Structures are given as structure tokens and as C-alpha cells.
Amino acid sequence: MKQKYPFKVNWCEICDQGWVEIVRYSGNNNLFVKCRECDSKWDTPLDSNDVNKASLPLDRPIKRPTIQEVKERGWDKYIQIF
């Protein structure tokens, strides 16, 4: 069964309504994490535990990275699987 949020790393501490997921901007390979509901953004999965490190993403298209991109960055260890 395919997961709806395959790259979820945390529950959002800011809005308490959505998953924080690994994403990237279209057109580059820089990964970051973003809340699916409130759009809060953090530079790394570990940063998403700190509400003071949150910002808003740039107004650019965002897409889901490939599992290979996530593994190359070493962020696959943060993915929560239920």
C-alpha cells in the first residue's frame, strides 16, 4: 500500500495539524522540510523540533524528492513509518 506521506519526519509543533515532510524546490536539489498544513519550513529534519528555527518557504514550486535524493543526503533515517 502506498503511503500518503512517504517522507514524513515529524508532526508540526507550530500548527499541530500536519506532517512535516522532506521536500525540495523544483529546479534544484536542495532538500528541506515543510509542514503540509501551515507551510512552516525548516532547513533540516532535526531543526523541525525547534519552532524558533521555522520560516516560510519561498514562493516557488515545491516537489517531492526521490528516495535516492533523500538517501544521498542521509535523511532517510528521519522518515517515520507507521
PDB file of N, CA and C in Angstrom:
ATOM      1  N   MET A   1       0.840  -1.186   0.000  1.00  0.00           N
ATOM      2  CA  MET A   1       0.000   0.000   0.000  1.00  0.00           C
ATOM      3  C   MET A   1       0.883   1.246   0.000  1.00  0.00           C
ATOM      4  N   LYS A   2       0.578   2.170  -0.870  1.00  0.00           N
ATOM      5  CA  LYS A   2       1.357   3.394  -0.983  1.00  0.00           C
ATOM      6  C   LYS A   2       0.980   4.364   0.137  1.00  0.00           C
ATOM      7  N   GLN A   3       1.999   4.921   0.805  1.00  0.00           N
ATOM      8  CA  GLN A   3       1.755   5.871   1.884  1.00  0.00           C
ATOM      9  C   GLN A   3       1.407   7.236   1.321  1.00  0.00           C
ATOM     10  N   LYS A   4       0.496   7.929   1.983  1.00  0.00           N
ATOM     11  CA  LYS A   4       0.117   9.278   1.562  1.00  0.00           C
ATOM     12  C   LYS A   4       1.251  10.266   1.812  1.00  0.00           C
ATOM     13  N   TYR A   5       1.989  10.065   2.888  1.00  0.00           N
ATOM     14  CA  TYR A   5       3.097  10.955   3.250  1.00  0.00           C
ATOM     15  C   TYR A   5       4.367  10.121   3.416  1.00  0.00           C
ATOM     16  N   PRO A   6       4.998   9.709   2.333  1.00  0.00           N
ATOM     17  CA  PRO A   6       6.133   8.787   2.443  1.00  0.00           C
ATOM     18  C   PRO A   6       7.391   9.383   3.069  1.00  0.00           C
ATOM     19  N   PHE A   7       7.519  10.714   3.077  1.00  0.00           N
ATOM     20  CA  PHE A   7       8.729  11.337   3.614  1.00  0.00           C
ATOM     21  C   PHE A   7       8.441  12.177   4.855  1.00  0.00           C
ATOM     22  N   LYS A   8       7.487  11.733   5.670  1.00  0.00           N
ATOM     23  CA  LYS A   8       7.174  12.477   6.894  1.00  0.00           C
ATOM     24  C   LYS A   8       8.265  12.236   7.934  1.00  0.00           C
ATOM     25  N   VAL A   9       8.664  13.313   8.607  1.00  0.00           N
ATOM     26  CA  VAL A   9       9.742  13.212   9.589  1.00  0.00           C
ATOM     27  C   VAL A   9       9.325  13.678  10.981  1.00  0.00           C
ATOM     28  N   ASN A  10       8.224  14.393  11.073  1.00  0.00           N
ATOM     29  CA  ASN A  10       7.831  14.959  12.354  1.00  0.00           C
ATOM     30  C   ASN A  10       6.389  15.446  12.260  1.00  0.00           C
ATOM     31  N   TRP A  11       5.741  15.603  13.404  1.00  0.00           N
ATOM     32  CA  TRP A  11       4.447  16.262  13.471  1.00  0.00           C
ATOM     33  C   TRP A  11       4.717  17.733  13.739  1.00  0.00           C
ATOM     34  N   CYS A  12       4.008  18.627  13.065  1.00  0.00           N
ATOM     35  CA  CYS A  12       4.289  20.062  13.177  1.00  0.00           C
ATOM     36  C   CYS A  12       3.949  20.589  14.568  1.00  0.00           C
ATOM     37  N   GLU A  13       4.957  21.149  15.219  1.00  0.00           N
ATOM     38  CA  GLU A  13       4.791  21.732  16.554  1.00  0.00           C
ATOM     39  C   GLU A  13       4.139  23.109  16.488  1.00  0.00           C
ATOM     40  N   ILE A  14       4.119  23.721  15.312  1.00  0.00           N
ATOM     41  CA  ILE A  14       3.561  25.067  15.178  1.00  0.00           C
ATOM     42  C   ILE A  14       2.039  25.024  15.052  1.00  0.00           C
ATOM     43  N   CYS A  15       1.533  24.260  14.094  1.00  0.00           N
ATOM     44  CA  CYS A  15       0.082  24.232  13.880  1.00  0.00           C
ATOM     45  C   CYS A  15      -0.600  23.032  14.532  1.00  0.00           C
ATOM     46  N   ASP A  16       0.164  21.997  14.850  1.00  0.00           N
ATOM     47  CA  ASP A  16      -0.363  20.760  15.428  1.00  0.00           C
ATOM     48  C   ASP A  16      -1.472  20.155  14.560  1.00  0.00           C
ATOM     49  N   GLN A  17      -1.319  20.318  13.225  1.00  0.00           N
ATOM     50  CA  GLN A  17      -2.334  19.803  12.308  1.00  0.00           C
ATOM     51  C   GLN A  17      -1.763  19.043  11.122  1.00  0.00           C
ATOM     52  N   GLY A  18      -0.443  19.031  10.966  1.00  0.00           N
ATOM     53  CA  GLY A  18       0.084  18.403   9.764  1.00  0.00           C
ATOM     54  C   GLY A  18       1.448  17.779   9.947  1.00  0.00           C
ATOM     55  N   TRP A  19       1.781  16.933   8.976  1.00  0.00           N
ATOM     56  CA  TRP A  19       3.091  16.294   8.949  1.00  0.00           C
ATOM     57  C   TRP A  19       4.134  17.222   8.354  1.00  0.00           C
ATOM     58  N   VAL A  20       5.324  17.181   8.916  1.00  0.00           N
ATOM     59  CA  VAL A  20       6.490  17.853   8.345  1.00  0.00           C
ATOM     60  C   VAL A  20       7.137  16.833   7.417  1.00  0.00           C
ATOM     61  N   GLU A  21       7.309  17.220   6.150  1.00  0.00           N
ATOM     62  CA  GLU A  21       7.805  16.295   5.134  1.00  0.00           C
ATOM     63  C   GLU A  21       9.064  16.816   4.459  1.00  0.00           C
ATOM     64  N   ILE A  22       9.876  15.901   3.982  1.00  0.00           N
ATOM     65  CA  ILE A  22      11.049  16.253   3.188  1.00  0.00           C
ATOM     66  C   ILE A  22      10.569  16.628   1.791  1.00  0.00           C
ATOM     67  N   VAL A  23      10.973  17.805   1.336  1.00  0.00           N
ATOM     68  CA  VAL A  23      10.607  18.300   0.007  1.00  0.00           C
ATOM     69  C   VAL A  23      11.808  19.028  -0.599  1.00  0.00           C
ATOM     70  N   ARG A  24      11.626  19.524  -1.812  1.00  0.00           N
ATOM     71  CA  ARG A  24      12.644  20.357  -2.446  1.00  0.00           C
ATOM     72  C   ARG A  24      11.955  21.307  -3.406  1.00  0.00           C
ATOM     73  N   TYR A  25      12.646  22.397  -3.728  1.00  0.00           N
ATOM     74  CA  TYR A  25      12.133  23.302  -4.741  1.00  0.00           C
ATOM     75  C   TYR A  25      12.312  22.670  -6.110  1.00  0.00           C
ATOM     76  N   SER A  26      11.366  22.888  -7.005  1.00  0.00           N
ATOM     77  CA  SER A  26      11.534  22.443  -8.390  1.00  0.00           C
ATOM     78  C   SER A  26      12.717  23.206  -8.980  1.00  0.00           C
ATOM     79  N   GLY A  27      13.559  22.513  -9.698  1.00  0.00           N
ATOM     80  CA  GLY A  27      14.677  23.189 -10.345  1.00  0.00           C
ATOM     81  C   GLY A  27      15.986  23.124  -9.602  1.00  0.00           C
ATOM     82  N   ASN A  28      15.981  22.682  -8.340  1.00  0.00           N
ATOM     83  CA  ASN A  28      17.260  22.456  -7.651  1.00  0.00           C
ATOM     84  C   ASN A  28      17.132  21.248  -6.734  1.00  0.00           C
ATOM     85  N   ASN A  29      18.242  20.813  -6.215  1.00  0.00           N
ATOM     86  CA  ASN A  29      18.262  19.592  -5.405  1.00  0.00           C
ATOM     87  C   ASN A  29      18.398  19.854  -3.918  1.00  0.00           C
ATOM     88  N   ASN A  30      18.210  21.094  -3.486  1.00  0.00           N
ATOM     89  CA  ASN A  30      18.340  21.417  -2.075  1.00  0.00           C
ATOM     90  C   ASN A  30      17.108  20.952  -1.312  1.00  0.00           C
ATOM     91  N   LEU A  31      17.312  19.985  -0.437  1.00  0.00           N
ATOM     92  CA  LEU A  31      16.210  19.460   0.363  1.00  0.00           C
ATOM     93  C   LEU A  31      15.975  20.333   1.587  1.00  0.00           C
ATOM     94  N   PHE A  32      14.735  20.351   2.046  1.00  0.00           N
ATOM     95  CA  PHE A  32      14.362  20.982   3.305  1.00  0.00           C
ATOM     96  C   PHE A  32      13.106  20.275   3.779  1.00  0.00           C
ATOM     97  N   VAL A  33      12.579  20.653   4.922  1.00  0.00           N
ATOM     98  CA  VAL A  33      11.348  20.043   5.414  1.00  0.00           C
ATOM     99  C   VAL A  33      10.294  21.124   5.603  1.00  0.00           C
ATOM    100  N   LYS A  34       9.028  20.745   5.337  1.00  0.00           N
ATOM    101  CA  LYS A  34       7.940  21.713   5.355  1.00  0.00           C
ATOM    102  C   LYS A  34       6.669  21.059   5.865  1.00  0.00           C
ATOM    103  N   CYS A  35       5.913  21.809   6.663  1.00  0.00           N
ATOM    104  CA  CYS A  35       4.621  21.319   7.140  1.00  0.00           C
ATOM    105  C   CYS A  35       3.620  21.323   5.994  1.00  0.00           C
ATOM    106  N   ARG A  36       2.920  20.244   5.863  1.00  0.00           N
ATOM    107  CA  ARG A  36       1.923  20.089   4.801  1.00  0.00           C
ATOM    108  C   ARG A  36       0.742  21.041   5.002  1.00  0.00           C
ATOM    109  N   GLU A  37       0.466  21.422   6.237  1.00  0.00           N
ATOM    110  CA  GLU A  37      -0.711  22.246   6.532  1.00  0.00           C
ATOM    111  C   GLU A  37      -0.417  23.738   6.629  1.00  0.00           C
ATOM    112  N   CYS A  38       0.550  24.133   7.441  1.00  0.00           N
ATOM    113  CA  CYS A  38       0.772  25.567   7.679  1.00  0.00           C
ATOM    114  C   CYS A  38       1.934  26.143   6.873  1.00  0.00           C
ATOM    115  N   ASP A  39       2.646  25.293   6.133  1.00  0.00           N
ATOM    116  CA  ASP A  39       3.767  25.709   5.274  1.00  0.00           C
ATOM    117  C   ASP A  39       5.004  26.185   6.035  1.00  0.00           C
ATOM    118  N   SER A  40       5.072  25.946   7.335  1.00  0.00           N
ATOM    119  CA  SER A  40       6.309  26.275   8.046  1.00  0.00           C
ATOM    120  C   SER A  40       7.440  25.443   7.458  1.00  0.00           C
ATOM    121  N   LYS A  41       8.634  26.037   7.385  1.00  0.00           N
ATOM    122  CA  LYS A  41       9.783  25.410   6.732  1.00  0.00           C
ATOM    123  C   LYS A  41      10.966  25.385   7.689  1.00  0.00           C
ATOM    124  N   TRP A  42      11.742  24.299   7.615  1.00  0.00           N
ATOM    125  CA  TRP A  42      12.985  24.172   8.364  1.00  0.00           C
ATOM    126  C   TRP A  42      14.067  23.675   7.416  1.00  0.00           C
ATOM    127  N   ASP A  43      15.307  23.985   7.726  1.00  0.00           N
ATOM    128  CA  ASP A  43      16.421  23.580   6.861  1.00  0.00           C
ATOM    129  C   ASP A  43      16.733  22.094   6.947  1.00  0.00           C
ATOM    130  N   THR A  44      16.494  21.477   8.105  1.00  0.00           N
ATOM    131  CA  THR A  44      16.811  20.059   8.288  1.00  0.00           C
ATOM    132  C   THR A  44      15.707  19.380   9.097  1.00  0.00           C
ATOM    133  N   PRO A  45      15.624  18.054   9.034  1.00  0.00           N
ATOM    134  CA  PRO A  45      14.644  17.348   9.860  1.00  0.00           C
ATOM    135  C   PRO A  45      14.835  17.608  11.358  1.00  0.00           C
ATOM    136  N   LEU A  46      16.075  17.687  11.815  1.00  0.00           N
ATOM    137  CA  LEU A  46      16.320  17.943  13.237  1.00  0.00           C
ATOM    138  C   LEU A  46      15.849  19.326  13.653  1.00  0.00           C
ATOM    139  N   ASP A  47      15.985  20.305  12.752  1.00  0.00           N
ATOM    140  CA  ASP A  47      15.524  21.665  13.055  1.00  0.00           C
ATOM    141  C   ASP A  47      14.019  21.724  13.280  1.00  0.00           C
ATOM    142  N   SER A  48      13.274  20.788  12.702  1.00  0.00           N
ATOM    143  CA  SER A  48      11.810  20.837  12.812  1.00  0.00           C
ATOM    144  C   SER A  48      11.321  20.583  14.234  1.00  0.00           C
ATOM    145  N   ASN A  49      12.218  20.211  15.130  1.00  0.00           N
ATOM    146  CA  ASN A  49      11.874  20.071  16.548  1.00  0.00           C
ATOM    147  C   ASN A  49      11.895  21.410  17.276  1.00  0.00           C
ATOM    148  N   ASP A  50      12.388  22.455  16.613  1.00  0.00           N
ATOM    149  CA  ASP A  50      12.555  23.770  17.234  1.00  0.00           C
ATOM    150  C   ASP A  50      11.698  24.797  16.495  1.00  0.00           C
ATOM    151  N   VAL A  51      10.611  25.252  17.111  1.00  0.00           N
ATOM    152  CA  VAL A  51       9.722  26.217  16.456  1.00  0.00           C
ATOM    153  C   VAL A  51      10.430  27.535  16.162  1.00  0.00           C
ATOM    154  N   ASN A  52      11.479  27.851  16.916  1.00  0.00           N
ATOM    155  CA  ASN A  52      12.212  29.100  16.695  1.00  0.00           C
ATOM    156  C   ASN A  52      13.056  29.080  15.425  1.00  0.00           C
ATOM    157  N   LYS A  53      13.272  27.910  14.848  1.00  0.00           N
ATOM    158  CA  LYS A  53      14.058  27.800  13.616  1.00  0.00           C
ATOM    159  C   LYS A  53      13.179  27.757  12.368  1.00  0.00           C
ATOM    160  N   ALA A  54      11.880  27.892  12.536  1.00  0.00           N
ATOM    161  CA  ALA A  54      10.955  27.819  11.403  1.00  0.00           C
ATOM    162  C   ALA A  54      10.943  29.123  10.615  1.00  0.00           C
ATOM    163  N   SER A  55      10.676  28.993   9.329  1.00  0.00           N
ATOM    164  CA  SER A  55      10.484  30.142   8.449  1.00  0.00           C
ATOM    165  C   SER A  55       9.418  29.754   7.431  1.00  0.00           C
ATOM    166  N   LEU A  56       9.133  30.641   6.504  1.00  0.00           N
ATOM    167  CA  LEU A  56       8.195  30.323   5.435  1.00  0.00           C
ATOM    168  C   LEU A  56       8.969  30.051   4.161  1.00  0.00           C
ATOM    169  N   PRO A  57       8.503  29.102   3.347  1.00  0.00           N
ATOM    170  CA  PRO A  57       9.214  28.810   2.101  1.00  0.00           C
ATOM    171  C   PRO A  57       9.058  29.948   1.102  1.00  0.00           C
ATOM    172  N   LEU A  58       9.994  30.007   0.167  1.00  0.00           N
ATOM    173  CA  LEU A  58       9.897  30.976  -0.913  1.00  0.00           C
ATOM    174  C   LEU A  58       8.700  30.639  -1.788  1.00  0.00           C
ATOM    175  N   ASP A  59       8.195  31.617  -2.475  1.00  0.00           N
ATOM    176  CA  ASP A  59       7.047  31.414  -3.356  1.00  0.00           C
ATOM    177  C   ASP A  59       7.511  30.798  -4.674  1.00  0.00           C
ATOM    178  N   ARG A  60       7.887  29.532  -4.578  1.00  0.00           N
ATOM    179  CA  ARG A  60       8.367  28.769  -5.731  1.00  0.00           C
ATOM    180  C   ARG A  60       7.732  27.392  -5.690  1.00  0.00           C
ATOM    181  N   PRO A  61       7.612  26.752  -6.849  1.00  0.00           N
ATOM    182  CA  PRO A  61       7.047  25.398  -6.860  1.00  0.00           C
ATOM    183  C   PRO A  61       7.895  24.425  -6.035  1.00  0.00           C
ATOM    184  N   ILE A  62       7.212  23.587  -5.282  1.00  0.00           N
ATOM    185  CA  ILE A  62       7.857  22.591  -4.429  1.00  0.00           C
ATOM    186  C   ILE A  62       7.437  21.215  -4.919  1.00  0.00           C
ATOM    187  N   LYS A  63       8.369  20.276  -4.860  1.00  0.00           N
ATOM    188  CA  LYS A  63       8.028  18.915  -5.263  1.00  0.00           C
ATOM    189  C   LYS A  63       8.636  17.911  -4.300  1.00  0.00           C
ATOM    190  N   ARG A  64       8.155  16.703  -4.386  1.00  0.00           N
ATOM    191  CA  ARG A  64       8.665  15.616  -3.555  1.00  0.00           C
ATOM    192  C   ARG A  64       9.951  15.091  -4.189  1.00  0.00           C
ATOM    193  N   PRO A  65      11.008  14.911  -3.402  1.00  0.00           N
ATOM    194  CA  PRO A  65      12.246  14.350  -3.953  1.00  0.00           C
ATOM    195  C   PRO A  65      12.103  12.848  -4.184  1.00  0.00           C
ATOM    196  N   THR A  66      13.070  12.285  -4.841  1.00  0.00           N
ATOM    197  CA  THR A  66      13.101  10.828  -4.990  1.00  0.00           C
ATOM    198  C   THR A  66      13.697  10.226  -3.722  1.00  0.00           C
ATOM    199  N   ILE A  67      13.465   8.951  -3.508  1.00  0.00           N
ATOM    200  CA  ILE A  67      14.053   8.280  -2.345  1.00  0.00           C
ATOM    201  C   ILE A  67      15.571   8.301  -2.450  1.00  0.00           C
ATOM    202  N   GLN A  68      16.104   8.246  -3.662  1.00  0.00           N
ATOM    203  CA  GLN A  68      17.552   8.297  -3.854  1.00  0.00           C
ATOM    204  C   GLN A  68      18.121   9.636  -3.384  1.00  0.00           C
ATOM    205  N   GLU A  69      17.441  10.739  -3.701  1.00  0.00           N
ATOM    206  CA  GLU A  69      17.894  12.061  -3.249  1.00  0.00           C
ATOM    207  C   GLU A  69      17.887  12.140  -1.725  1.00  0.00           C
ATOM    208  N   VAL A  70      16.864  11.579  -1.115  1.00  0.00           N
ATOM    209  CA  VAL A  70      16.761  11.582   0.348  1.00  0.00           C
ATOM    210  C   VAL A  70      17.884  10.742   0.957  1.00  0.00           C
ATOM    211  N   LYS A  71      18.149   9.574   0.386  1.00  0.00           N
ATOM    212  CA  LYS A  71      19.213   8.702   0.894  1.00  0.00           C
ATOM    213  C   LYS A  71      20.589   9.329   0.714  1.00  0.00           C
ATOM    214  N   GLU A  72      20.821   9.990  -0.420  1.00  0.00           N
ATOM    215  CA  GLU A  72      22.120  10.635  -0.654  1.00  0.00           C
ATOM    216  C   GLU A  72      22.406  11.695   0.395  1.00  0.00           C
ATOM    217  N   ARG A  73      21.386  12.349   0.888  1.00  0.00           N
ATOM    218  CA  ARG A  73      21.537  13.384   1.906  1.00  0.00           C
ATOM    219  C   ARG A  73      21.632  12.777   3.308  1.00  0.00           C
ATOM    220  N   GLY A  74      21.298  11.477   3.423  1.00  0.00           N
ATOM    221  CA  GLY A  74      21.324  10.818   4.728  1.00  0.00           C
ATOM    222  C   GLY A  74      20.088  11.089   5.562  1.00  0.00           C
ATOM    223  N   TRP A  75      19.053  11.603   4.938  1.00  0.00           N
ATOM    224  CA  TRP A  75      17.837  11.956   5.664  1.00  0.00           C
ATOM    225  C   TRP A  75      16.835  10.813   5.750  1.00  0.00           C
ATOM    226  N   ASP A  76      17.094   9.704   5.106  1.00  0.00           N
ATOM    227  CA  ASP A  76      16.168   8.572   5.171  1.00  0.00           C
ATOM    228  C   ASP A  76      16.021   8.050   6.601  1.00  0.00           C
ATOM    229  N   LYS A  77      17.020   8.270   7.442  1.00  0.00           N
ATOM    230  CA  LYS A  77      16.950   7.805   8.833  1.00  0.00           C
ATOM    231  C   LYS A  77      15.918   8.582   9.658  1.00  0.00           C
ATOM    232  N   TYR A  78      15.465   9.737   9.156  1.00  0.00           N
ATOM    233  CA  TYR A  78      14.478  10.543   9.877  1.00  0.00           C
ATOM    234  C   TYR A  78      13.037  10.221   9.488  1.00  0.00           C
ATOM    235  N   ILE A  79      12.843   9.451   8.429  1.00  0.00           N
ATOM    236  CA  ILE A  79      11.499   9.152   7.946  1.00  0.00           C
ATOM    237  C   ILE A  79      10.771   8.266   8.952  1.00  0.00           C
ATOM    238  N   GLN A  80       9.558   8.681   9.318  1.00  0.00           N
ATOM    239  CA  GLN A  80       8.734   7.922  10.259  1.00  0.00           C
ATOM    240  C   GLN A  80       7.800   7.015   9.475  1.00  0.00           C
ATOM    241  N   ILE A  81       7.832   5.739   9.796  1.00  0.00           N
ATOM    242  CA  ILE A  81       6.986   4.762   9.127  1.00  0.00           C
ATOM    243  C   ILE A  81       6.062   4.136  10.160  1.00  0.00           C
ATOM    244  N   PHE A  82       4.783   4.154   9.865  1.00  0.00           N
ATOM    245  CA  PHE A  82       3.786   3.589  10.785  1.00  0.00           C
ATOM    246  C   PHE A  82       3.071   2.444  10.132  1.00  0.00           C
TER     247      PHE A  82
END
